[in-house]
Every structure is written in structure tokens, then in C-alpha cells.
Amino acid sequence: MEIIIVGGGKVGNALAEVLCDEHNVTVIDKSETKINSVVNDYDVKGIVGNCLTTEILDNAGVARCNIFIAVTSSDEVNILSCLIAKKMKARHCIARVRNPEFEKQLVFMREELGISMMVNPDYNSANEIAKVLRYPEAINIDSFAKGRVDLAEIRITSGSILENLALSQLSRRLRLDVLICAVQRGDELIIPNGTFVLHAGDKIHMTASHSNMVKFFKSISAAYREKRVKSAVLIGGGRVGYHLAQQLREMSVKVKIIEIDEKRCLELSERLDKVNIVCGDGTNQDVIREERVYDADAVVSLTGIDEENILMSLLAKNNGVEKVVTKVNRMNLMQLSETLNLDSVISPKSITVNQILQYVRAKQNTEGNNITTLYRLVNDRLEAIEFIIKEHKSYVGIPLRKLKLRSGILIASIVRGNELIIPKGDDCLMVNDSVVVVTKNRGYDDLKEIFDKR
């Protein structure tokens, strides 16, 4: 496909990196330095210029463009460039929009102005953080099949009932239908079979229905009810903190925000009812002691500086806070956070890239199968993809034990109507099934590609 990316910043660069292998990508930015950097790093075409001028868009080939993606630092520029691109015959337009004031106009912009998708990284990041605070034992939680399937990342602790357990014994031991579909052991990423034995320190990715996921956490933690987050301190009152406070308030969580900017504190006080707003430096130890930050059930570090967030999270963890969440954007620091054993690390950039990539892959829609959801996990080393089987194919109706999967792939779940199936050898894929596949490989556009034809 022909894809134009407007904005050569962090998100634009990340999108160029993941899309250039499969598509013809053009990047537009006013900065010659940014364009030179992205062109030198990836196989893309670069254009220096103003994305709001028809001449620049015409030079980029907007009339042939399948997907136009606007991710500059300005919401208004992103929206306006999408409108111009749409008038110039771009087929689909995506705009990154962060200002909460635009939320009420999302339907209008989509239906009346023709913007196919609007991505709010701050709101989506708040959603991800709220999910992991619902499940304090989890590092991350993702959902498939309109919420019917949960994909959770969990670290196995010493003394856990999962320690030294073979996967073939898992369902019998827990009396639950769950599937562990990937294991991270140190630097090694494994798609396990039934003989695989779990060790303390392993990070596991598992699928289950929402109800079974709740039961699973109760099974592995006798103190599950006591570990429910009832109070949270947010260090940093930016857009992510604003959206998160709203969601936590709806979850009946007592919320305190510590924000250093006095003007922002006044704005938050006016917008957020029943949220304690403290004007102060959340990294200052005197403020931390005075506000009893470490007495909270959860601490979420949301400042604009990655290093501060990591340091504050480490301090909170070392001072006994049960659940710690860290906002980090820079990929090198994301990888560092793995070695520091931080609980949950959230990247607005990665969430935005994943959401846009999901849309792009869905639009490829190869031979009747549609990718409806896609998540990239473990620093982009693992993909979890949801396919819809729209018509009869060669693999439909055949027991899975007779279908040979390519290496590094596992079918994690099948949703048939309202029924969730954790797949076993005698199960078959059927038309209209929603199928979740977990793979160490990348670039699958069609379900048939996961099968080895030899």
C-alpha cells in the first residue's frame, strides 16, 4: 500500500520503521534534519515541507495514497492536513489528537469530515494503566474479540503455585480453561508446548475469558481481594493523569495527583471532582513524606521525563508499594526498565503505533480474512493478532492436530459466537470464528500464512 506519514518525530519514526518493510512509505516534515534521519535509517521517501500545502501533498503522491497518517505535535495541523488529504483523494486518513476538548467531536469528524480514525495516545495510555490497576498481579492486560478474551502478562514469583509447574498440568491444577502462549525467560522468548516447565522469574503471556482471568488471579493469590487497588497517587498531572483520574474515580479508587505546575493544578481542580490535587514536586522526598505517597496501594509515575518516572517507580517499589506503573517513551529506556524489574511500564508512543498499525493491517484485508486487533509485545518481539474467518478456506473444519503450524506460532484462542474456546487438538476452525494467534514472527496478513504447507 501507499502510505504517507506527516510528522517525523518519535511516533512518525516508529511508524516508518514498522511499515516500510511491507509498504511504500513517504514521510513529510518541515525539518530537513528529521527527514534526513528517517531516510537514512529506513527504506522510505522523505519530503521536506509544509504538510498543509497542496503542492507538498501532491509531490508526496497523496492522490494514490491508501492511508494518510498525521502525527505532528499539533492537533490542529493533524486534523487540517487530513481534511486536505481527503479532498485530494487520499482513501483513509488517521489523525493523532490529544486535546480532550476534541473528544466530543470525534463522531462528527469521522462521519462528516471523513477522518477514518482519531488516536488519542493520552486517553489510550490511561486505559492501559486502568486495566493493570484492576488486576494488580498483572504487568499488562490486553483484550480481543470485543472484550471476550483477555491477554495478560504476569511475572511468576518464588513460591507461586505456578512455579515448577508443567503447562500440561495447568488447567487440571487450577481447574480453569486458560492457555499460556508465550514465556519470557531472561532474554529468551519462548512459544511453549505442554512439556514446558515454568520457573520463578518467568514472564508469561496467557489468554482466558474475562471471568476465568478473574478466577485465575484469585487462584494464584490468596490475598487477591486485599490486593485490590483502593488508593492511587499519580505523580504528574498531565493529560494521561487527567484521563486516568477520571477512570479511577469511576472504579471507586481514591486518587491523589501531585503536580508541580500551579496553573495546571487549578485546571485539574476545576475539571476533576473528588480528586485530591496537591501542588508540589512529586520527586521531592519532603513532599513524598508529607503526602504519604508510599502508603498508597498504587503509585503511577507520569511526569514528562522518563528518567524521573523510572527513579520514582523504583523508590516506590523499594518502599513497599504493592503496584507501581511507569510511563516511559524512549525505547532504550523501555529496554532498561526490563532489567530493573519494574512492575508495569506504559509507553504512549508504543500504544499509538500499535493502534495505527492495527488499522493499517486490517485494511490489507487479504483474501477474505480481516485483522481486527493487533498488539506488539515484549519490546515488539511478539505479536498477538486477531483474525476473522470470513469464508471457507482449506484449513476450515480440519482438527488442529492435523494442521501443521509454522515455528514460533501458537493459536491462543477461538471465539465462536459468545463461546470462548481454548484450542486443543480436536478443535476445528470454522467460518465466522475470531482467532487469536501469538507469534514471534512478523508481517502476517492472512490466517493461511501461519500454516506450514510442507
Protein backbone atom coordinates (compact mmCIF):
# COMPACT_ATOMS: atom_id res chain seq x y z
CA MET A 1 0.00 0.00 0.00
CA GLU A 2 0.97 3.66 -0.45
CA ILE A 3 1.27 5.31 2.98
CA ILE A 4 2.08 8.94 3.80
CA ILE A 5 3.23 9.85 7.32
CA VAL A 6 3.11 13.53 8.29
CA GLY A 7 5.45 14.25 11.20
CA GLY A 8 8.97 12.91 11.61
CA GLY A 9 9.06 12.83 15.40
CA LYS A 10 9.17 9.77 17.68
CA VAL A 11 5.83 8.34 16.59
CA GLY A 12 6.41 9.10 12.90
CA ASN A 13 9.82 7.39 13.05
CA ALA A 14 8.40 4.35 14.84
CA LEU A 15 5.63 4.04 12.24
CA ALA A 16 8.11 4.38 9.37
CA GLU A 17 10.22 1.61 10.89
CA VAL A 18 7.38 -0.92 11.20
CA LEU A 19 5.61 -0.06 7.93
CA CYS A 20 8.49 0.35 5.47
CA ASP A 21 9.13 -3.39 5.09
CA GLU A 22 5.62 -4.07 3.77
CA HIS A 23 4.53 -0.78 2.17
CA ASN A 24 5.72 2.22 0.14
CA VAL A 25 6.12 4.89 2.80
CA THR A 26 6.62 8.65 2.37
CA VAL A 27 7.41 10.89 5.36
CA ILE A 28 6.74 14.66 5.33
CA ASP A 29 8.23 17.09 7.86
CA LYS A 30 9.34 20.74 7.91
CA SER A 31 12.66 19.74 9.47
CA GLU A 32 15.35 18.72 7.00
CA THR A 33 17.28 17.12 9.86
CA LYS A 34 14.36 14.84 10.77
CA ILE A 35 13.78 13.87 7.15
CA ASN A 36 17.45 13.07 6.58
CA SER A 37 17.44 10.94 9.72
CA VAL A 38 14.37 8.87 8.80
CA VAL A 39 15.51 8.41 5.18
CA ASN A 40 18.96 7.26 6.29
CA ASP A 41 17.53 4.84 8.87
CA TYR A 42 14.68 3.28 6.86
CA ASP A 43 13.64 2.47 3.31
CA VAL A 44 11.27 5.42 2.93
CA LYS A 45 10.89 8.50 0.75
CA GLY A 46 11.30 11.83 2.55
CA ILE A 47 9.90 15.25 1.65
CA VAL A 48 10.85 18.47 3.44
CA GLY A 49 7.94 20.91 3.52
CA ASN A 50 4.63 22.08 4.96
CA CYS A 51 2.02 19.31 5.04
CA LEU A 52 -0.76 21.90 4.72
CA THR A 53 0.26 22.95 1.21
CA THR A 54 -1.30 21.13 -1.73
CA GLU A 55 1.98 21.28 -3.64
CA ILE A 56 3.83 19.25 -0.99
CA LEU A 57 1.00 16.74 -0.67
CA ASP A 58 0.81 16.40 -4.45
CA ASN A 59 4.58 15.74 -4.61
CA ALA A 60 4.10 13.04 -1.97
CA GLY A 61 1.51 11.32 -4.18
CA VAL A 62 -1.50 11.92 -1.94
CA ALA A 63 -3.95 11.06 -4.75
CA ARG A 64 -2.53 7.50 -4.80
CA CYS A 65 -2.34 7.27 -1.01
CA ASN A 66 -4.13 4.35 0.65
CA ILE A 67 -3.57 5.61 4.20
CA PHE A 68 -2.60 9.15 5.27
CA ILE A 69 -1.29 9.37 8.87
CA ALA A 70 -0.85 12.76 10.58
CA VAL A 71 1.20 12.62 13.80
CA THR A 72 2.75 16.09 14.13
CA SER A 73 2.89 17.79 17.55
CA SER A 74 -0.17 19.93 16.67
CA ASP A 75 -3.72 18.53 16.85
CA GLU A 76 -4.98 21.27 14.54
CA VAL A 77 -2.33 20.59 11.92
CA ASN A 78 -3.09 16.86 12.05
CA ILE A 79 -6.83 17.41 11.57
CA LEU A 80 -6.45 20.03 8.83
CA SER A 81 -3.87 18.02 6.88
CA CYS A 82 -6.22 15.02 6.96
CA LEU A 83 -9.07 17.15 5.60
CA ILE A 84 -6.87 18.46 2.77
CA ALA A 85 -5.56 14.96 2.01
CA LYS A 86 -9.11 13.61 1.92
CA LYS A 87 -10.12 16.33 -0.58
CA MET A 88 -7.10 15.35 -2.67
CA LYS A 89 -8.40 11.74 -2.88
CA ALA A 90 -6.47 10.00 -0.08
CA ARG A 91 -8.55 6.92 0.76
CA HIS A 92 -8.17 6.73 4.54
CA CYS A 93 -6.92 9.39 6.98
CA ILE A 94 -5.70 8.98 10.56
CA ALA A 95 -5.04 11.91 12.91
CA ARG A 96 -3.33 11.91 16.29
CA VAL A 97 -5.40 14.21 18.53
CA ARG A 98 -4.52 14.78 22.19
CA ASN A 99 -6.65 17.72 23.33
CA PRO A 100 -9.57 16.47 25.49
CA GLU A 101 -11.78 19.22 24.00
CA PHE A 102 -11.86 17.33 20.70
CA GLU A 103 -13.32 14.19 22.32
CA LYS A 104 -16.90 15.41 21.93
CA GLN A 105 -16.37 15.93 18.19
CA LEU A 106 -14.94 12.52 17.30
CA VAL A 107 -18.16 11.24 15.71
CA PHE A 108 -18.62 14.47 13.74
CA MET A 109 -15.06 14.39 12.44
CA ARG A 110 -15.37 10.78 11.39
CA GLU A 111 -18.84 10.89 9.84
CA GLU A 112 -19.00 14.44 8.49
CA LEU A 113 -15.36 15.25 7.73
CA GLY A 114 -14.24 11.80 6.61
CA ILE A 115 -11.37 11.28 9.05
CA SER A 116 -11.23 7.49 9.34
CA MET A 117 -9.57 7.27 12.74
CA MET A 118 -8.51 9.60 15.54
CA VAL A 119 -5.90 8.38 18.00
CA ASN A 120 -5.55 9.91 21.46
CA PRO A 121 -2.32 8.48 22.99
CA ASP A 122 -3.01 10.00 26.40
CA TYR A 123 -6.52 8.60 26.71
CA ASN A 124 -5.40 5.20 25.42
CA SER A 125 -2.46 5.16 27.85
CA ALA A 126 -4.84 5.91 30.71
CA ASN A 127 -7.00 2.97 29.57
CA GLU A 128 -3.99 0.64 29.68
CA ILE A 129 -2.97 1.83 33.15
CA ALA A 130 -6.54 1.45 34.45
CA LYS A 131 -6.57 -2.15 33.19
CA VAL A 132 -3.44 -3.14 35.10
CA LEU A 133 -4.72 -1.42 38.24
CA ARG A 134 -7.84 -3.60 38.04
CA TYR A 135 -5.53 -6.65 38.09
CA PRO A 136 -2.66 -5.71 40.46
CA GLU A 137 -0.94 -9.07 39.85
CA ALA A 138 -0.69 -8.36 36.11
CA ILE A 139 2.03 -6.43 34.31
CA ASN A 140 -0.17 -5.71 31.29
CA ILE A 141 -3.68 -6.61 30.11
CA ASP A 142 -4.94 -6.56 26.51
CA SER A 143 -8.33 -7.61 25.09
CA PHE A 144 -9.60 -9.32 21.96
CA ALA A 145 -12.96 -10.26 20.45
CA LYS A 146 -14.70 -7.15 21.81
CA GLY A 147 -13.55 -7.86 25.35
CA ARG A 148 -14.43 -11.57 25.43
CA VAL A 149 -10.77 -12.64 25.54
CA ASP A 150 -8.11 -11.22 27.89
CA LEU A 151 -4.37 -11.48 27.24
CA ALA A 152 -2.41 -10.93 30.46
CA GLU A 153 1.31 -10.62 31.19
CA ILE A 154 2.34 -11.90 34.62
CA ARG A 155 5.64 -12.47 36.43
CA ILE A 156 5.91 -15.77 38.34
CA THR A 157 7.18 -15.16 41.85
CA SER A 158 9.05 -17.58 44.08
CA GLY A 159 6.59 -19.77 45.98
CA SER A 160 3.77 -19.25 43.45
CA ILE A 161 1.58 -22.27 42.73
CA LEU A 162 2.73 -21.85 39.11
CA GLU A 163 6.43 -22.33 39.97
CA ASN A 164 7.86 -25.62 38.61
CA LEU A 165 4.50 -26.45 37.00
CA ALA A 166 4.41 -28.15 33.58
CA LEU A 167 1.93 -26.46 31.23
CA SER A 168 0.16 -29.77 30.59
CA GLN A 169 -0.86 -29.73 34.28
CA LEU A 170 -2.02 -26.10 34.34
CA SER A 171 -5.75 -26.47 33.62
CA ARG A 172 -6.04 -29.51 35.89
CA ARG A 173 -4.23 -27.81 38.78
CA LEU A 174 -6.24 -24.57 38.55
CA ARG A 175 -9.47 -26.15 37.24
CA LEU A 176 -9.69 -23.31 34.75
CA ASP A 177 -9.57 -23.11 30.95
CA VAL A 178 -6.51 -20.93 30.40
CA LEU A 179 -3.59 -21.06 27.95
CA ILE A 180 -0.03 -19.84 28.41
CA CYS A 181 1.02 -18.85 24.92
CA ALA A 182 4.43 -17.18 25.42
CA VAL A 183 7.13 -17.15 28.08
CA GLN A 184 9.93 -14.64 28.51
CA ARG A 185 12.85 -16.17 30.43
CA GLY A 186 15.69 -13.68 30.70
CA ASP A 187 16.42 -12.56 27.14
CA GLU A 188 14.84 -15.70 25.64
CA LEU A 189 11.31 -15.58 24.22
CA ILE A 190 9.62 -19.00 24.02
CA ILE A 191 6.39 -20.26 22.42
CA PRO A 192 5.96 -23.22 24.82
CA ASN A 193 4.45 -26.71 24.44
CA GLY A 194 2.80 -28.87 27.09
CA THR A 195 6.09 -30.21 28.47
CA PHE A 196 7.43 -26.73 29.24
CA VAL A 197 8.02 -26.14 32.97
CA LEU A 198 7.55 -22.68 34.48
CA HIS A 199 10.23 -21.16 36.73
CA ALA A 200 10.20 -18.30 39.21
CA GLY A 201 11.11 -15.07 37.42
CA ASP A 202 9.45 -16.10 34.14
CA LYS A 203 7.14 -13.57 32.50
CA ILE A 204 4.17 -15.37 30.99
CA HIS A 205 1.57 -14.22 28.47
CA MET A 206 -1.72 -16.06 28.91
CA THR A 207 -5.22 -15.97 27.42
CA ALA A 208 -8.56 -16.69 29.08
CA SER A 209 -12.11 -15.42 29.17
CA HIS A 210 -12.61 -12.34 31.34
CA SER A 211 -14.36 -14.39 34.07
CA ASN A 212 -11.67 -17.09 34.04
CA MET A 213 -8.96 -14.42 34.20
CA VAL A 214 -10.52 -13.05 37.40
CA LYS A 215 -10.69 -16.61 38.82
CA PHE A 216 -7.08 -17.20 37.76
CA PHE A 217 -5.82 -14.22 39.76
CA LYS A 218 -7.82 -15.37 42.77
CA SER A 219 -6.27 -18.85 42.41
CA ILE A 220 -2.67 -17.67 42.29
CA SER A 221 -3.05 -15.13 45.09
CA ALA A 222 -4.77 -15.93 48.37
CA ALA A 223 -4.64 -12.20 49.13
CA TYR A 224 -6.32 -11.22 45.84
CA ARG A 225 -9.14 -9.26 47.47
CA GLU A 226 -6.74 -7.43 49.80
CA LYS A 227 -4.52 -6.52 46.82
CA ARG A 228 -7.31 -4.68 45.01
CA VAL A 229 -6.22 -1.09 44.43
CA LYS A 230 -8.25 1.23 46.64
CA SER A 231 -5.94 4.27 46.61
CA ALA A 232 -3.55 5.62 43.98
CA VAL A 233 -1.07 8.51 43.79
CA LEU A 234 -0.37 9.94 40.34
CA ILE A 235 2.93 11.82 40.12
CA GLY A 236 2.32 14.25 37.26
CA GLY A 237 -0.96 15.85 36.28
CA GLY A 238 -0.65 15.98 32.51
CA ARG A 239 -3.17 14.64 30.01
CA VAL A 240 -2.57 10.99 30.92
CA GLY A 241 -3.03 11.80 34.60
CA TYR A 242 -6.26 13.68 33.86
CA HIS A 243 -7.80 10.80 31.88
CA LEU A 244 -6.58 8.21 34.39
CA ALA A 245 -8.01 10.09 37.36
CA GLN A 246 -11.41 10.13 35.65
CA GLN A 247 -11.32 6.37 35.10
CA LEU A 248 -10.03 5.52 38.58
CA ARG A 249 -12.74 7.66 40.13
CA GLU A 250 -15.32 5.54 38.28
CA MET A 251 -13.61 2.44 39.75
CA SER A 252 -14.13 3.91 43.27
CA VAL A 253 -10.38 4.34 43.72
CA LYS A 254 -9.26 7.20 45.97
CA VAL A 255 -7.00 9.37 43.77
CA LYS A 256 -4.33 11.94 44.63
CA ILE A 257 -2.45 13.88 41.91
CA ILE A 258 0.85 15.62 42.71
CA GLU A 259 1.59 18.25 40.05
CA ILE A 260 4.37 20.86 40.14
CA ASP A 261 2.70 23.50 37.91
CA GLU A 262 0.30 25.72 39.87
CA LYS A 263 -1.76 26.73 36.81
CA ARG A 264 -2.25 23.09 35.85
CA CYS A 265 -3.30 22.27 39.41
CA LEU A 266 -6.07 24.90 39.19
CA GLU A 267 -7.25 23.42 35.87
CA LEU A 268 -7.34 19.91 37.34
CA SER A 269 -9.20 21.12 40.44
CA GLU A 270 -11.90 22.65 38.21
CA ARG A 271 -12.22 19.55 35.99
CA LEU A 272 -11.92 16.70 38.49
CA ASP A 273 -14.37 16.24 41.34
CA LYS A 274 -13.42 14.08 44.35
CA VAL A 275 -9.74 14.03 43.36
CA ASN A 276 -7.12 15.40 45.77
CA ILE A 277 -4.86 17.81 43.84
CA VAL A 278 -1.53 18.64 45.50
CA CYS A 279 0.68 21.40 44.10
CA GLY A 280 4.26 20.27 44.63
CA ASP A 281 7.25 18.44 43.21
CA GLY A 282 6.40 14.73 43.22
CA THR A 283 10.10 13.86 43.07
CA ASN A 284 10.90 15.82 46.25
CA GLN A 285 11.34 13.50 49.25
CA ASP A 286 9.83 16.04 51.66
CA VAL A 287 6.66 16.19 49.53
CA ILE A 288 6.60 12.39 49.29
CA ARG A 289 6.80 12.02 53.08
CA GLU A 290 4.26 14.79 53.74
CA GLU A 291 1.74 13.32 51.28
CA ARG A 292 2.43 9.73 52.46
CA VAL A 293 2.88 8.59 48.88
CA TYR A 294 4.22 5.17 49.82
CA ASP A 295 1.09 4.38 51.86
CA ALA A 296 -0.97 4.21 48.65
CA ASP A 297 -1.90 0.87 47.07
CA ALA A 298 -0.56 2.12 43.72
CA VAL A 299 1.87 4.78 42.53
CA VAL A 300 1.82 5.87 38.88
CA SER A 301 4.77 7.96 37.62
CA LEU A 302 3.57 10.24 34.80
CA THR A 303 6.00 13.16 34.58
CA GLY A 304 7.33 14.27 31.21
CA ILE A 305 10.83 12.94 31.99
CA ASP A 306 11.37 9.20 31.55
CA GLU A 307 14.34 9.04 33.94
CA GLU A 308 12.32 10.71 36.71
CA ASN A 309 9.49 8.24 36.21
CA ILE A 310 11.81 5.25 36.43
CA LEU A 311 13.54 6.60 39.55
CA MET A 312 10.25 7.40 41.30
CA SER A 313 8.88 3.95 40.48
CA LEU A 314 11.99 2.23 41.84
CA LEU A 315 11.73 4.23 45.06
CA ALA A 316 8.03 3.42 45.41
CA LYS A 317 8.68 -0.27 44.83
CA ASN A 318 11.58 -0.33 47.30
CA ASN A 319 9.34 1.36 49.88
CA GLY A 320 6.73 -1.36 49.71
CA VAL A 321 4.10 -0.01 47.31
CA GLU A 322 2.17 -3.03 46.01
CA LYS A 323 1.54 -1.80 42.45
CA VAL A 324 3.82 0.58 40.53
CA VAL A 325 3.20 1.83 36.98
CA THR A 326 5.78 3.79 34.97
CA LYS A 327 5.27 5.94 31.87
CA VAL A 328 8.28 5.63 29.54
CA ASN A 329 8.54 6.69 25.89
CA ARG A 330 12.16 6.18 24.83
CA MET A 331 12.78 2.66 23.55
CA ASN A 332 16.26 2.35 25.08
CA LEU A 333 14.79 3.16 28.49
CA MET A 334 11.92 0.71 27.88
CA GLN A 335 14.54 -2.00 27.47
CA LEU A 336 16.42 -0.79 30.57
CA SER A 337 13.23 -1.00 32.62
CA GLU A 338 13.13 -4.74 31.86
CA THR A 339 16.42 -5.26 33.70
CA LEU A 340 15.21 -3.19 36.67
CA ASN A 341 12.17 -5.47 37.22
CA LEU A 342 9.67 -2.61 37.23
CA ASP A 343 6.05 -3.74 37.56
CA SER A 344 4.17 -2.25 34.61
CA VAL A 345 5.70 0.05 32.01
CA ILE A 346 3.39 2.01 29.70
CA SER A 347 4.54 3.79 26.53
CA PRO A 348 2.10 6.25 24.88
CA LYS A 349 4.24 6.12 21.75
CA SER A 350 4.06 2.33 21.52
CA ILE A 351 0.32 2.31 22.23
CA THR A 352 -0.26 4.84 19.42
CA VAL A 353 1.92 2.92 16.97
CA ASN A 354 0.16 -0.36 17.84
CA GLN A 355 -3.28 1.16 17.30
CA ILE A 356 -2.36 2.68 13.94
CA LEU A 357 -0.57 -0.49 12.84
CA GLN A 358 -3.67 -2.47 13.74
CA TYR A 359 -5.75 -0.25 11.44
CA VAL A 360 -3.23 -0.48 8.59
CA ARG A 361 -3.03 -4.26 8.80
CA ALA A 362 -6.82 -4.53 8.90
CA LYS A 363 -7.08 -2.51 5.68
CA GLN A 364 -4.96 -5.05 3.85
CA ASN A 365 -7.84 -7.49 4.31
CA THR A 366 -6.27 -10.31 2.32
CA GLU A 367 -8.47 -12.94 0.69
CA GLY A 368 -11.48 -12.54 2.95
CA ASN A 369 -9.66 -12.64 6.32
CA ASN A 370 -9.58 -9.48 8.37
CA ILE A 371 -7.14 -8.49 11.14
CA THR A 372 -9.36 -6.80 13.70
CA THR A 373 -6.85 -6.43 16.56
CA LEU A 374 -3.07 -6.43 16.77
CA TYR A 375 -0.77 -5.96 19.75
CA ARG A 376 3.02 -5.84 19.72
CA LEU A 377 4.51 -7.07 22.99
CA VAL A 378 7.89 -7.71 24.68
CA ASN A 379 9.55 -4.66 23.08
CA ASP A 380 8.00 -5.54 19.70
CA ARG A 381 9.39 -9.10 19.72
CA LEU A 382 5.94 -10.73 19.97
CA GLU A 383 2.71 -10.13 18.03
CA ALA A 384 -0.78 -11.11 19.14
CA ILE A 385 -3.14 -10.92 16.17
CA GLU A 386 -6.90 -11.43 15.94
CA PHE A 387 -8.23 -12.71 12.59
CA ILE A 388 -11.84 -13.13 11.45
CA ILE A 389 -12.52 -16.09 9.13
CA LYS A 390 -14.98 -14.63 6.65
CA GLU A 391 -15.29 -17.51 4.17
CA HIS A 392 -14.48 -21.19 3.78
CA LYS A 393 -10.75 -21.94 3.42
CA SER A 394 -8.64 -25.07 3.16
CA TYR A 395 -7.96 -25.10 6.92
CA VAL A 396 -11.64 -24.73 7.95
CA GLY A 397 -13.26 -27.80 9.54
CA ILE A 398 -9.99 -29.71 9.99
CA PRO A 399 -8.86 -30.71 13.52
CA LEU A 400 -5.96 -28.54 14.64
CA ARG A 401 -3.79 -31.60 15.33
CA LYS A 402 -3.84 -32.27 11.56
CA LEU A 403 -2.76 -28.71 10.68
CA LYS A 404 0.96 -28.03 10.96
CA LEU A 405 1.78 -24.55 12.26
CA ARG A 406 4.93 -22.72 11.28
CA SER A 407 7.57 -22.48 14.02
CA GLY A 408 7.19 -19.71 16.56
CA ILE A 409 3.37 -19.64 16.30
CA LEU A 410 0.53 -20.68 18.61
CA ILE A 411 -3.26 -20.39 18.25
CA ALA A 412 -4.18 -18.83 21.59
CA SER A 413 -7.98 -18.76 21.43
CA ILE A 414 -11.04 -19.18 19.23
CA VAL A 415 -14.23 -17.18 19.78
CA ARG A 416 -17.35 -18.68 18.20
CA GLY A 417 -20.39 -16.51 18.83
CA ASN A 418 -20.36 -15.94 22.59
CA GLU A 419 -18.29 -19.07 23.26
CA LEU A 420 -14.56 -18.87 24.02
CA ILE A 421 -12.58 -21.97 23.06
CA ILE A 422 -9.09 -22.55 24.42
CA PRO A 423 -7.92 -24.66 21.47
CA LYS A 424 -6.98 -28.31 21.73
CA GLY A 425 -6.03 -30.87 19.08
CA ASP A 426 -9.57 -31.94 18.19
CA ASP A 427 -10.94 -28.40 17.84
CA CYS A 428 -11.58 -27.02 14.34
CA LEU A 429 -11.64 -23.52 12.87
CA MET A 430 -14.99 -22.51 11.39
CA VAL A 431 -16.32 -19.66 9.25
CA ASN A 432 -17.05 -16.50 11.32
CA ASP A 433 -14.65 -17.58 14.08
CA SER A 434 -12.47 -14.95 15.70
CA VAL A 435 -8.98 -16.48 16.03
CA VAL A 436 -6.19 -15.06 18.20
CA VAL A 437 -2.67 -16.03 17.09
CA VAL A 438 0.52 -15.35 19.07
CA THR A 439 3.75 -15.33 17.08
CA LYS A 440 7.42 -14.39 17.30
CA ASN A 441 7.33 -13.71 13.55
CA ARG A 442 6.04 -10.52 11.92
CA GLY A 443 4.14 -9.48 8.83
CA TYR A 444 1.27 -11.99 8.78
CA ASP A 445 -1.70 -10.53 6.90
CA ASP A 446 -3.79 -13.67 6.40
CA LEU A 447 -4.57 -16.60 8.66
CA LYS A 448 -3.48 -19.11 5.99
CA GLU A 449 0.10 -17.83 6.34
CA ILE A 450 0.50 -19.36 9.81
CA PHE A 451 0.22 -22.91 8.43
CA ASP A 452 3.22 -24.86 7.10
CA LYS A 453 2.27 -26.26 3.69
CA ARG A 454 5.09 -28.80 3.58
